[in-house]
Amino acid sequence: AFGTLGIVAIMIIASGDITSFNYTPFYIGLGAFCYGTSAIALLIRAI
Protein backbone atom coordinates (compact mmCIF):
# COMPACT_ATOMS: atom_id res chain seq x y z
CA ALA A 1 0.00 0.00 0.00
CA PHE A 2 2.75 2.46 0.89
CA GLY A 3 4.64 1.55 -2.27
CA THR A 4 1.60 2.29 -4.37
CA LEU A 5 0.95 5.56 -2.53
CA GLY A 6 4.60 6.54 -2.93
CA ILE A 7 4.54 5.90 -6.66
CA VAL A 8 1.33 7.91 -6.99
CA ALA A 9 2.91 10.76 -5.00
CA ILE A 10 5.95 10.76 -7.28
CA MET A 11 3.64 10.80 -10.31
CA ILE A 12 1.79 13.82 -8.93
CA ILE A 13 5.06 15.61 -8.22
CA ALA A 14 6.42 14.69 -11.65
CA SER A 15 3.29 15.93 -13.44
CA GLY A 16 3.70 19.42 -12.01
CA ASP A 17 7.42 19.58 -12.77
CA ILE A 18 8.20 21.80 -15.74
CA THR A 19 11.78 20.64 -16.11
CA SER A 20 12.60 17.47 -17.94
CA PHE A 21 13.92 15.64 -14.86
CA ASN A 22 13.59 11.89 -15.27
CA TYR A 23 11.72 10.29 -12.35
CA THR A 24 11.88 6.75 -13.75
CA PRO A 25 14.69 5.58 -11.41
CA PHE A 26 12.58 6.65 -8.44
CA TYR A 27 9.61 4.62 -9.70
CA ILE A 28 11.74 1.56 -10.26
CA GLY A 29 13.60 1.90 -6.96
CA LEU A 30 10.53 2.45 -4.84
CA GLY A 31 8.58 -0.28 -6.59
CA ALA A 32 11.44 -2.78 -6.37
CA PHE A 33 11.98 -2.11 -2.67
CA CYS A 34 8.34 -2.11 -1.55
CA TYR A 35 7.01 -4.88 -3.75
CA GLY A 36 10.20 -6.93 -3.50
CA THR A 37 10.22 -6.93 0.29
CA SER A 38 6.49 -7.75 0.26
CA ALA A 39 7.16 -10.77 -1.93
CA ILE A 40 10.00 -11.88 0.33
CA ALA A 41 7.76 -11.56 3.42
CA LEU A 42 5.06 -13.68 1.75
CA LEU A 43 7.67 -16.24 0.69
CA ILE A 44 9.00 -16.47 4.25
CA ARG A 45 5.45 -16.83 5.51
CA ALA A 46 4.67 -19.63 3.04
CA ILE A 47 7.87 -21.55 3.85
All heavy atoms as atom14 arrays in JSON, in Angstrom:
{
  "sequence": "AFGTLGIVAIMIIASGDITSFNYTPFYIGLGAFCYGTSAIALLIRAI",
  "atom14_mask": [
    [1, 1, 1, 1, 1, 0, 0, 0, 0, 0, 0, 0, 0, 0],
    [1, 1, 1, 1, 1, 1, 1, 1, 1, 1, 1, 0, 0, 0],
    [1, 1, 1, 1, 0, 0, 0, 0, 0, 0, 0, 0, 0, 0],
    [1, 1, 1, 1, 1, 1, 1, 0, 0, 0, 0, 0, 0, 0],
    [1, 1, 1, 1, 1, 1, 1, 1, 0, 0, 0, 0, 0, 0],
    [1, 1, 1, 1, 0, 0, 0, 0, 0, 0, 0, 0, 0, 0],
    [1, 1, 1, 1, 1, 1, 1, 1, 0, 0, 0, 0, 0, 0],
    [1, 1, 1, 1, 1, 1, 1, 0, 0, 0, 0, 0, 0, 0],
    [1, 1, 1, 1, 1, 0, 0, 0, 0, 0, 0, 0, 0, 0],
    [1, 1, 1, 1, 1, 1, 1, 1, 0, 0, 0, 0, 0, 0],
    [1, 1, 1, 1, 1, 1, 1, 1, 0, 0, 0, 0, 0, 0],
    [1, 1, 1, 1, 1, 1, 1, 1, 0, 0, 0, 0, 0, 0],
    [1, 1, 1, 1, 1, 1, 1, 1, 0, 0, 0, 0, 0, 0],
    [1, 1, 1, 1, 1, 0, 0, 0, 0, 0, 0, 0, 0, 0],
    [1, 1, 1, 1, 1, 1, 0, 0, 0, 0, 0, 0, 0, 0],
    [1, 1, 1, 1, 0, 0, 0, 0, 0, 0, 0, 0, 0, 0],
    [1, 1, 1, 1, 1, 1, 1, 1, 0, 0, 0, 0, 0, 0],
    [1, 1, 1, 1, 1, 1, 1, 1, 0, 0, 0, 0, 0, 0],
    [1, 1, 1, 1, 1, 1, 1, 0, 0, 0, 0, 0, 0, 0],
    [1, 1, 1, 1, 1, 1, 0, 0, 0, 0, 0, 0, 0, 0],
    [1, 1, 1, 1, 1, 1, 1, 1, 1, 1, 1, 0, 0, 0],
    [1, 1, 1, 1, 1, 1, 1, 1, 0, 0, 0, 0, 0, 0],
    [1, 1, 1, 1, 1, 1, 1, 1, 1, 1, 1, 1, 0, 0],
    [1, 1, 1, 1, 1, 1, 1, 0, 0, 0, 0, 0, 0, 0],
    [1, 1, 1, 1, 1, 1, 1, 0, 0, 0, 0, 0, 0, 0],
    [1, 1, 1, 1, 1, 1, 1, 1, 1, 1, 1, 0, 0, 0],
    [1, 1, 1, 1, 1, 1, 1, 1, 1, 1, 1, 1, 0, 0],
    [1, 1, 1, 1, 1, 1, 1, 1, 0, 0, 0, 0, 0, 0],
    [1, 1, 1, 1, 0, 0, 0, 0, 0, 0, 0, 0, 0, 0],
    [1, 1, 1, 1, 1, 1, 1, 1, 0, 0, 0, 0, 0, 0],
    [1, 1, 1, 1, 0, 0, 0, 0, 0, 0, 0, 0, 0, 0],
    [1, 1, 1, 1, 1, 0, 0, 0, 0, 0, 0, 0, 0, 0],
    [1, 1, 1, 1, 1, 1, 1, 1, 1, 1, 1, 0, 0, 0],
    [1, 1, 1, 1, 1, 1, 0, 0, 0, 0, 0, 0, 0, 0],
    [1, 1, 1, 1, 1, 1, 1, 1, 1, 1, 1, 1, 0, 0],
    [1, 1, 1, 1, 0, 0, 0, 0, 0, 0, 0, 0, 0, 0],
    [1, 1, 1, 1, 1, 1, 1, 0, 0, 0, 0, 0, 0, 0],
    [1, 1, 1, 1, 1, 1, 0, 0, 0, 0, 0, 0, 0, 0],
    [1, 1, 1, 1, 1, 0, 0, 0, 0, 0, 0, 0, 0, 0],
    [1, 1, 1, 1, 1, 1, 1, 1, 0, 0, 0, 0, 0, 0],
    [1, 1, 1, 1, 1, 0, 0, 0, 0, 0, 0, 0, 0, 0],
    [1, 1, 1, 1, 1, 1, 1, 1, 0, 0, 0, 0, 0, 0],
    [1, 1, 1, 1, 1, 1, 1, 1, 0, 0, 0, 0, 0, 0],
    [1, 1, 1, 1, 1, 1, 1, 1, 0, 0, 0, 0, 0, 0],
    [1, 1, 1, 1, 1, 1, 1, 1, 1, 1, 1, 0, 0, 0],
    [1, 1, 1, 1, 1, 0, 0, 0, 0, 0, 0, 0, 0, 0],
    [1, 1, 1, 1, 1, 1, 1, 1, 0, 0, 0, 0, 0, 0]
  ],
  "atom14_positions": [
    [[0.83, -1.21, 0.0], [0.0, 0.0, 0.0], [0.86, 1.25, 0.0], [0.61, 2.19, -0.78], [-0.92, -0.01, 1.21], [0.0, 0.0, 0.0], [0.0, 0.0, 0.0], [0.0, 0.0, 0.0], [0.0, 0.0, 0.0], [0.0, 0.0, 0.0], [0.0, 0.0, 0.0], [0.0, 0.0, 0.0], [0.0, 0.0, 0.0], [0.0, 0.0, 0.0]],
    [[1.88, 1.29, 0.85], [2.75, 2.46, 0.89], [3.57, 2.6, -0.38], [3.87, 3.71, -0.82], [3.66, 2.43, 2.11], [2.93, 2.69, 3.4], [3.15, 1.9, 4.5], [2.02, 3.72, 3.52], [2.48, 2.12, 5.69], [1.33, 3.96, 4.69], [1.57, 3.16, 5.79], [0.0, 0.0, 0.0], [0.0, 0.0, 0.0], [0.0, 0.0, 0.0]],
    [[3.95, 1.49, -0.99], [4.64, 1.55, -2.27], [3.78, 2.15, -3.35], [4.22, 3.0, -4.13], [0.0, 0.0, 0.0], [0.0, 0.0, 0.0], [0.0, 0.0, 0.0], [0.0, 0.0, 0.0], [0.0, 0.0, 0.0], [0.0, 0.0, 0.0], [0.0, 0.0, 0.0], [0.0, 0.0, 0.0], [0.0, 0.0, 0.0], [0.0, 0.0, 0.0]],
    [[2.53, 1.74, -3.39], [1.6, 2.29, -4.37], [1.36, 3.77, -4.11], [1.37, 4.58, -5.06], [0.26, 1.52, -4.32], [0.52, 0.14, -4.56], [-0.71, 2.05, -5.35], [0.0, 0.0, 0.0], [0.0, 0.0, 0.0], [0.0, 0.0, 0.0], [0.0, 0.0, 0.0], [0.0, 0.0, 0.0], [0.0, 0.0, 0.0], [0.0, 0.0, 0.0]],
    [[1.15, 4.14, -2.86], [0.95, 5.56, -2.53], [2.19, 6.38, -2.85], [2.08, 7.52, -3.32], [0.58, 5.72, -1.06], [-0.79, 5.19, -0.66], [-0.98, 5.29, 0.85], [-1.88, 5.95, -1.38], [0.0, 0.0, 0.0], [0.0, 0.0, 0.0], [0.0, 0.0, 0.0], [0.0, 0.0, 0.0], [0.0, 0.0, 0.0], [0.0, 0.0, 0.0]],
    [[3.36, 5.82, -2.61], [4.6, 6.54, -2.93], [4.77, 6.76, -4.42], [5.17, 7.85, -4.86], [0.0, 0.0, 0.0], [0.0, 0.0, 0.0], [0.0, 0.0, 0.0], [0.0, 0.0, 0.0], [0.0, 0.0, 0.0], [0.0, 0.0, 0.0], [0.0, 0.0, 0.0], [0.0, 0.0, 0.0], [0.0, 0.0, 0.0], [0.0, 0.0, 0.0]],
    [[4.45, 5.75, -5.21], [4.54, 5.9, -6.66], [3.53, 6.93, -7.16], [3.85, 7.75, -8.03], [4.36, 4.53, -7.35], [5.59, 3.67, -7.08], [4.15, 4.69, -8.84], [5.47, 2.24, -7.55], [0.0, 0.0, 0.0], [0.0, 0.0, 0.0], [0.0, 0.0, 0.0], [0.0, 0.0, 0.0], [0.0, 0.0, 0.0], [0.0, 0.0, 0.0]],
    [[2.33, 6.91, -6.6], [1.33, 7.91, -6.99], [1.8, 9.31, -6.61], [1.64, 10.26, -7.38], [-0.04, 7.59, -6.34], [-1.01, 8.74, -6.48], [-0.62, 6.33, -6.95], [0.0, 0.0, 0.0], [0.0, 0.0, 0.0], [0.0, 0.0, 0.0], [0.0, 0.0, 0.0], [0.0, 0.0, 0.0], [0.0, 0.0, 0.0], [0.0, 0.0, 0.0]],
    [[2.41, 9.45, -5.42], [2.91, 10.76, -5.0], [4.01, 11.25, -5.93], [4.04, 12.43, -6.3], [3.43, 10.68, -3.56], [0.0, 0.0, 0.0], [0.0, 0.0, 0.0], [0.0, 0.0, 0.0], [0.0, 0.0, 0.0], [0.0, 0.0, 0.0], [0.0, 0.0, 0.0], [0.0, 0.0, 0.0], [0.0, 0.0, 0.0], [0.0, 0.0, 0.0]],
    [[4.9, 10.36, -6.34], [5.95, 10.76, -7.28], [5.34, 11.15, -8.62], [5.79, 12.1, -9.26], [7.0, 9.63, -7.44], [7.77, 9.45, -6.13], [7.97, 9.96, -8.57], [8.71, 8.26, -6.14], [0.0, 0.0, 0.0], [0.0, 0.0, 0.0], [0.0, 0.0, 0.0], [0.0, 0.0, 0.0], [0.0, 0.0, 0.0], [0.0, 0.0, 0.0]],
    [[4.3, 10.44, -9.05], [3.64, 10.8, -10.31], [3.01, 12.18, -10.23], [3.06, 12.95, -11.2], [2.57, 9.77, -10.67], [3.1, 8.49, -11.19], [1.73, 7.41, -11.6], [2.6, 6.02, -12.28], [0.0, 0.0, 0.0], [0.0, 0.0, 0.0], [0.0, 0.0, 0.0], [0.0, 0.0, 0.0], [0.0, 0.0, 0.0], [0.0, 0.0, 0.0]],
    [[2.4, 12.5, -9.09], [1.79, 13.82, -8.93], [2.86, 14.9, -8.93], [2.7, 15.95, -9.57], [0.94, 13.86, -7.64], [-0.29, 12.97, -7.8], [0.55, 15.29, -7.29], [-1.07, 12.77, -6.53], [0.0, 0.0, 0.0], [0.0, 0.0, 0.0], [0.0, 0.0, 0.0], [0.0, 0.0, 0.0], [0.0, 0.0, 0.0], [0.0, 0.0, 0.0]],
    [[3.96, 14.64, -8.24], [5.06, 15.61, -8.22], [5.65, 15.77, -9.62], [5.93, 16.88, -10.06], [6.15, 15.17, -7.21], [5.62, 15.28, -5.79], [7.42, 15.99, -7.38], [6.5, 14.64, -4.75], [0.0, 0.0, 0.0], [0.0, 0.0, 0.0], [0.0, 0.0, 0.0], [0.0, 0.0, 0.0], [0.0, 0.0, 0.0], [0.0, 0.0, 0.0]],
    [[5.82, 14.65, -10.32], [6.42, 14.69, -11.65], [5.51, 15.38, -12.66], [5.99, 16.0, -13.6], [6.75, 13.28, -12.13], [0.0, 0.0, 0.0], [0.0, 0.0, 0.0], [0.0, 0.0, 0.0], [0.0, 0.0, 0.0], [0.0, 0.0, 0.0], [0.0, 0.0, 0.0], [0.0, 0.0, 0.0], [0.0, 0.0, 0.0], [0.0, 0.0, 0.0]],
    [[4.2, 15.3, -12.48], [3.29, 15.93, -13.44], [3.33, 17.45, -13.34], [3.08, 18.14, -14.32], [1.86, 15.43, -13.24], [1.35, 15.9, -12.0], [0.0, 0.0, 0.0], [0.0, 0.0, 0.0], [0.0, 0.0, 0.0], [0.0, 0.0, 0.0], [0.0, 0.0, 0.0], [0.0, 0.0, 0.0], [0.0, 0.0, 0.0], [0.0, 0.0, 0.0]],
    [[3.64, 17.98, -12.18], [3.7, 19.42, -12.01], [5.08, 19.99, -12.29], [5.27, 21.2, -12.28], [0.0, 0.0, 0.0], [0.0, 0.0, 0.0], [0.0, 0.0, 0.0], [0.0, 0.0, 0.0], [0.0, 0.0, 0.0], [0.0, 0.0, 0.0], [0.0, 0.0, 0.0], [0.0, 0.0, 0.0], [0.0, 0.0, 0.0], [0.0, 0.0, 0.0]],
    [[6.05, 19.14, -12.54], [7.42, 19.58, -12.77], [7.58, 20.04, -14.22], [7.3, 19.29, -15.15], [8.38, 18.44, -12.46], [9.82, 18.92, -12.33], [10.04, 20.13, -12.38], [10.7, 18.06, -12.17], [0.0, 0.0, 0.0], [0.0, 0.0, 0.0], [0.0, 0.0, 0.0], [0.0, 0.0, 0.0], [0.0, 0.0, 0.0], [0.0, 0.0, 0.0]],
    [[8.03, 21.26, -14.39], [8.2, 21.8, -15.74], [9.49, 21.31, -16.37], [9.56, 21.11, -17.57], [8.18, 23.35, -15.7], [6.83, 23.82, -15.16], [8.44, 23.95, -17.07], [6.75, 25.3, -14.89], [0.0, 0.0, 0.0], [0.0, 0.0, 0.0], [0.0, 0.0, 0.0], [0.0, 0.0, 0.0], [0.0, 0.0, 0.0], [0.0, 0.0, 0.0]],
    [[10.5, 21.09, -15.56], [11.78, 20.64, -16.11], [11.66, 19.23, -16.63], [10.7, 18.51, -16.36], [12.87, 20.69, -15.02], [12.53, 19.77, -13.99], [13.03, 22.08, -14.45], [0.0, 0.0, 0.0], [0.0, 0.0, 0.0], [0.0, 0.0, 0.0], [0.0, 0.0, 0.0], [0.0, 0.0, 0.0], [0.0, 0.0, 0.0], [0.0, 0.0, 0.0]],
    [[12.63, 18.8, -17.36], [12.6, 17.47, -17.94], [13.38, 16.47, -17.08], [14.12, 15.65, -17.6], [13.16, 17.5, -19.36], [14.51, 17.94, -19.31], [0.0, 0.0, 0.0], [0.0, 0.0, 0.0], [0.0, 0.0, 0.0], [0.0, 0.0, 0.0], [0.0, 0.0, 0.0], [0.0, 0.0, 0.0], [0.0, 0.0, 0.0], [0.0, 0.0, 0.0]],
    [[13.23, 16.56, -15.76], [13.92, 15.64, -14.86], [13.27, 14.27, -14.98], [12.05, 14.14, -14.97], [13.82, 16.15, -13.41], [14.59, 15.32, -12.44], [15.96, 15.37, -12.41], [13.94, 14.49, -11.56], [16.68, 14.61, -11.51], [14.64, 13.71, -10.66], [16.02, 13.78, -10.63], [0.0, 0.0, 0.0], [0.0, 0.0, 0.0], [0.0, 0.0, 0.0]],
    [[14.09, 13.25, -15.07], [13.59, 11.89, -15.27], [13.35, 11.23, -13.91], [14.28, 11.0, -13.14], [14.62, 11.1, -16.07], [14.09, 9.77, -16.52], [12.93, 9.45, -16.29], [14.93, 8.99, -17.15], [0.0, 0.0, 0.0], [0.0, 0.0, 0.0], [0.0, 0.0, 0.0], [0.0, 0.0, 0.0], [0.0, 0.0, 0.0], [0.0, 0.0, 0.0]],
    [[12.09, 10.93, -13.61], [11.72, 10.29, -12.35], [11.68, 8.76, -12.43], [11.34, 8.11, -11.45], [10.34, 10.8, -11.88], [10.38, 12.2, -11.34], [10.12, 13.29, -12.16], [10.68, 12.44, -10.01], [10.15, 14.57, -11.67], [10.71, 13.72, -9.51], [10.45, 14.79, -10.35], [10.48, 16.06, -9.85], [0.0, 0.0, 0.0], [0.0, 0.0, 0.0]],
    [[11.98, 8.19, -13.57], [11.88, 6.75, -13.75], [12.7, 5.95, -12.74], [12.21, 4.95, -12.21], [12.28, 6.37, -15.19], [11.47, 7.11, -16.09], [12.08, 4.89, -15.44], [0.0, 0.0, 0.0], [0.0, 0.0, 0.0], [0.0, 0.0, 0.0], [0.0, 0.0, 0.0], [0.0, 0.0, 0.0], [0.0, 0.0, 0.0], [0.0, 0.0, 0.0]],
    [[13.95, 6.35, -12.41], [14.69, 5.58, -11.41], [14.0, 5.56, -10.04], [14.09, 4.56, -9.32], [16.03, 6.29, -11.32], [16.18, 6.98, -12.62], [14.79, 7.36, -13.03], [0.0, 0.0, 0.0], [0.0, 0.0, 0.0], [0.0, 0.0, 0.0], [0.0, 0.0, 0.0], [0.0, 0.0, 0.0], [0.0, 0.0, 0.0], [0.0, 0.0, 0.0]],
    [[13.3, 6.62, -9.71], [12.58, 6.65, -8.44], [11.41, 5.66, -8.45], [11.14, 4.98, -7.47], [12.07, 8.06, -8.12], [13.16, 9.05, -7.86], [13.39, 10.08, -8.74], [13.98, 8.92, -6.75], [14.39, 10.99, -8.5], [15.0, 9.81, -6.5], [15.21, 10.86, -7.39], [0.0, 0.0, 0.0], [0.0, 0.0, 0.0], [0.0, 0.0, 0.0]],
    [[10.7, 5.59, -9.57], [9.61, 4.62, -9.7], [10.13, 3.2, -9.55], [9.58, 2.39, -8.81], [8.93, 4.71, -11.08], [8.2, 5.99, -11.39], [8.31, 6.56, -12.64], [7.38, 6.59, -10.46], [7.63, 7.73, -12.94], [6.71, 7.75, -10.75], [6.83, 8.31, -12.0], [6.16, 9.45, -12.29], [0.0, 0.0, 0.0], [0.0, 0.0, 0.0]],
    [[11.18, 2.92, -10.28], [11.74, 1.56, -10.26], [12.3, 1.22, -8.88], [12.07, 0.13, -8.35], [12.82, 1.41, -11.35], [12.16, 1.53, -12.73], [13.55, 0.08, -11.21], [13.15, 1.6, -13.87], [0.0, 0.0, 0.0], [0.0, 0.0, 0.0], [0.0, 0.0, 0.0], [0.0, 0.0, 0.0], [0.0, 0.0, 0.0], [0.0, 0.0, 0.0]],
    [[13.01, 2.15, -8.28], [13.6, 1.9, -6.96], [12.56, 1.69, -5.87], [12.64, 0.75, -5.08], [0.0, 0.0, 0.0], [0.0, 0.0, 0.0], [0.0, 0.0, 0.0], [0.0, 0.0, 0.0], [0.0, 0.0, 0.0], [0.0, 0.0, 0.0], [0.0, 0.0, 0.0], [0.0, 0.0, 0.0], [0.0, 0.0, 0.0], [0.0, 0.0, 0.0]],
    [[11.58, 2.56, -5.85], [10.53, 2.45, -4.84], [9.7, 1.19, -5.05], [9.38, 0.47, -4.09], [9.63, 3.69, -4.86], [8.53, 3.75, -3.8], [9.16, 3.79, -2.42], [7.67, 4.97, -4.02], [0.0, 0.0, 0.0], [0.0, 0.0, 0.0], [0.0, 0.0, 0.0], [0.0, 0.0, 0.0], [0.0, 0.0, 0.0], [0.0, 0.0, 0.0]],
    [[9.36, 0.92, -6.29], [8.58, -0.28, -6.59], [9.36, -1.55, -6.27], [8.81, -2.49, -5.67], [0.0, 0.0, 0.0], [0.0, 0.0, 0.0], [0.0, 0.0, 0.0], [0.0, 0.0, 0.0], [0.0, 0.0, 0.0], [0.0, 0.0, 0.0], [0.0, 0.0, 0.0], [0.0, 0.0, 0.0], [0.0, 0.0, 0.0], [0.0, 0.0, 0.0]],
    [[10.63, -1.59, -6.64], [11.44, -2.78, -6.37], [11.59, -3.01, -4.87], [11.5, -4.15, -4.4], [12.81, -2.65, -7.02], [0.0, 0.0, 0.0], [0.0, 0.0, 0.0], [0.0, 0.0, 0.0], [0.0, 0.0, 0.0], [0.0, 0.0, 0.0], [0.0, 0.0, 0.0], [0.0, 0.0, 0.0], [0.0, 0.0, 0.0], [0.0, 0.0, 0.0]],
    [[11.81, -1.94, -4.12], [11.98, -2.11, -2.67], [10.68, -2.56, -2.0], [10.65, -3.55, -1.29], [12.46, -0.8, -2.03], [12.57, -0.9, -0.54], [13.61, -1.59, 0.04], [11.62, -0.32, 0.28], [13.71, -1.7, 1.42], [11.7, -0.42, 1.65], [12.75, -1.12, 2.23], [0.0, 0.0, 0.0], [0.0, 0.0, 0.0], [0.0, 0.0, 0.0]],
    [[9.61, -1.81, -2.25], [8.34, -2.11, -1.55], [7.75, -3.45, -1.98], [7.41, -4.28, -1.15], [7.35, -0.99, -1.77], [7.81, 0.53, -0.95], [0.0, 0.0, 0.0], [0.0, 0.0, 0.0], [0.0, 0.0, 0.0], [0.0, 0.0, 0.0], [0.0, 0.0, 0.0], [0.0, 0.0, 0.0], [0.0, 0.0, 0.0], [0.0, 0.0, 0.0]],
    [[7.63, -3.65, -3.28], [7.01, -4.88, -3.75], [7.95, -6.08, -3.59], [7.51, -7.2, -3.36], [6.55, -4.73, -5.2], [5.54, -3.62, -5.36], [5.72, -2.64, -6.32], [4.43, -3.55, -4.55], [4.8, -1.62, -6.47], [3.52, -2.53, -4.69], [3.7, -1.57, -5.65], [2.79, -0.55, -5.78], [0.0, 0.0, 0.0], [0.0, 0.0, 0.0]],
    [[9.24, -5.85, -3.69], [10.2, -6.93, -3.5], [10.22, -7.44, -2.06], [10.21, -8.65, -1.81], [0.0, 0.0, 0.0], [0.0, 0.0, 0.0], [0.0, 0.0, 0.0], [0.0, 0.0, 0.0], [0.0, 0.0, 0.0], [0.0, 0.0, 0.0], [0.0, 0.0, 0.0], [0.0, 0.0, 0.0], [0.0, 0.0, 0.0], [0.0, 0.0, 0.0]],
    [[10.23, -6.5, -1.1], [10.22, -6.93, 0.29], [8.87, -7.57, 0.66], [8.83, -8.46, 1.51], [10.55, -5.77, 1.25], [9.63, -4.7, 1.02], [11.97, -5.29, 1.06], [0.0, 0.0, 0.0], [0.0, 0.0, 0.0], [0.0, 0.0, 0.0], [0.0, 0.0, 0.0], [0.0, 0.0, 0.0], [0.0, 0.0, 0.0], [0.0, 0.0, 0.0]],
    [[7.8, -7.11, 0.04], [6.49, -7.75, 0.26], [6.5, -9.19, -0.22], [6.01, -10.1, 0.46], [5.38, -6.99, -0.46], [5.22, -5.72, 0.08], [0.0, 0.0, 0.0], [0.0, 0.0, 0.0], [0.0, 0.0, 0.0], [0.0, 0.0, 0.0], [0.0, 0.0, 0.0], [0.0, 0.0, 0.0], [0.0, 0.0, 0.0], [0.0, 0.0, 0.0]],
    [[7.07, -9.41, -1.39], [7.16, -10.77, -1.93], [8.04, -11.65, -1.05], [7.71, -12.82, -0.81], [7.7, -10.73, -3.36], [0.0, 0.0, 0.0], [0.0, 0.0, 0.0], [0.0, 0.0, 0.0], [0.0, 0.0, 0.0], [0.0, 0.0, 0.0], [0.0, 0.0, 0.0], [0.0, 0.0, 0.0], [0.0, 0.0, 0.0], [0.0, 0.0, 0.0]],
    [[9.13, -11.11, -0.55], [10.0, -11.88, 0.33], [9.27, -12.24, 1.62], [9.38, -13.36, 2.12], [11.3, -11.11, 0.61], [12.14, -11.04, -0.67], [12.09, -11.74, 1.75], [13.32, -10.1, -0.58], [0.0, 0.0, 0.0], [0.0, 0.0, 0.0], [0.0, 0.0, 0.0], [0.0, 0.0, 0.0], [0.0, 0.0, 0.0], [0.0, 0.0, 0.0]],
    [[8.51, -11.29, 2.19], [7.76, -11.56, 3.42], [6.73, -12.67, 3.19], [6.55, -13.56, 4.03], [7.08, -10.3, 3.92], [0.0, 0.0, 0.0], [0.0, 0.0, 0.0], [0.0, 0.0, 0.0], [0.0, 0.0, 0.0], [0.0, 0.0, 0.0], [0.0, 0.0, 0.0], [0.0, 0.0, 0.0], [0.0, 0.0, 0.0], [0.0, 0.0, 0.0]],
    [[6.04, -12.63, 2.04], [5.06, -13.68, 1.75], [5.74, -15.02, 1.5], [5.2, -16.07, 1.88], [4.21, -13.28, 0.54], [3.26, -12.11, 0.78], [2.57, -11.72, -0.51], [2.25, -12.45, 1.85], [0.0, 0.0, 0.0], [0.0, 0.0, 0.0], [0.0, 0.0, 0.0], [0.0, 0.0, 0.0], [0.0, 0.0, 0.0], [0.0, 0.0, 0.0]],
    [[6.92, -15.01, 0.9], [7.67, -16.24, 0.69], [8.11, -16.84, 2.02], [7.98, -18.05, 2.25], [8.87, -15.98, -0.21], [9.72, -17.18, -0.59], [8.91, -18.14, -1.45], [10.97, -16.73, -1.32], [0.0, 0.0, 0.0], [0.0, 0.0, 0.0], [0.0, 0.0, 0.0], [0.0, 0.0, 0.0], [0.0, 0.0, 0.0], [0.0, 0.0, 0.0]],
    [[8.61, -16.0, 2.91], [9.0, -16.47, 4.25], [7.8, -17.04, 4.97], [7.87, -18.09, 5.61], [9.64, -15.32, 5.05], [11.01, -14.97, 4.47], [9.76, -15.69, 6.53], [11.61, -13.72, 5.05], [0.0, 0.0, 0.0], [0.0, 0.0, 0.0], [0.0, 0.0, 0.0], [0.0, 0.0, 0.0], [0.0, 0.0, 0.0], [0.0, 0.0, 0.0]],
    [[6.67, -16.36, 4.86], [5.45, -16.83, 5.51], [5.02, -18.19, 4.97], [4.67, -19.09, 5.73], [4.33, -15.81, 5.31], [3.05, -16.15, 6.02], [2.04, -15.04, 5.83], [0.88, -15.25, 6.65], [-0.21, -15.89, 6.25], [-0.28, -16.38, 5.04], [-1.23, -16.05, 7.07], [0.0, 0.0, 0.0], [0.0, 0.0, 0.0], [0.0, 0.0, 0.0]],
    [[5.08, -18.36, 3.65], [4.67, -19.63, 3.04], [5.61, -20.77, 3.45], [5.15, -21.87, 3.79], [4.65, -19.49, 1.53], [0.0, 0.0, 0.0], [0.0, 0.0, 0.0], [0.0, 0.0, 0.0], [0.0, 0.0, 0.0], [0.0, 0.0, 0.0], [0.0, 0.0, 0.0], [0.0, 0.0, 0.0], [0.0, 0.0, 0.0], [0.0, 0.0, 0.0]],
    [[6.9, -20.52, 3.45], [7.87, -21.55, 3.85], [7.69, -21.89, 5.32], [7.72, -23.06, 5.71], [9.31, -21.08, 3.55], [9.52, -21.01, 2.04], [10.32, -21.98, 4.21], [10.82, -20.34, 1.63], [0.0, 0.0, 0.0], [0.0, 0.0, 0.0], [0.0, 0.0, 0.0], [0.0, 0.0, 0.0], [0.0, 0.0, 0.0], [0.0, 0.0, 0.0]]
  ]
}
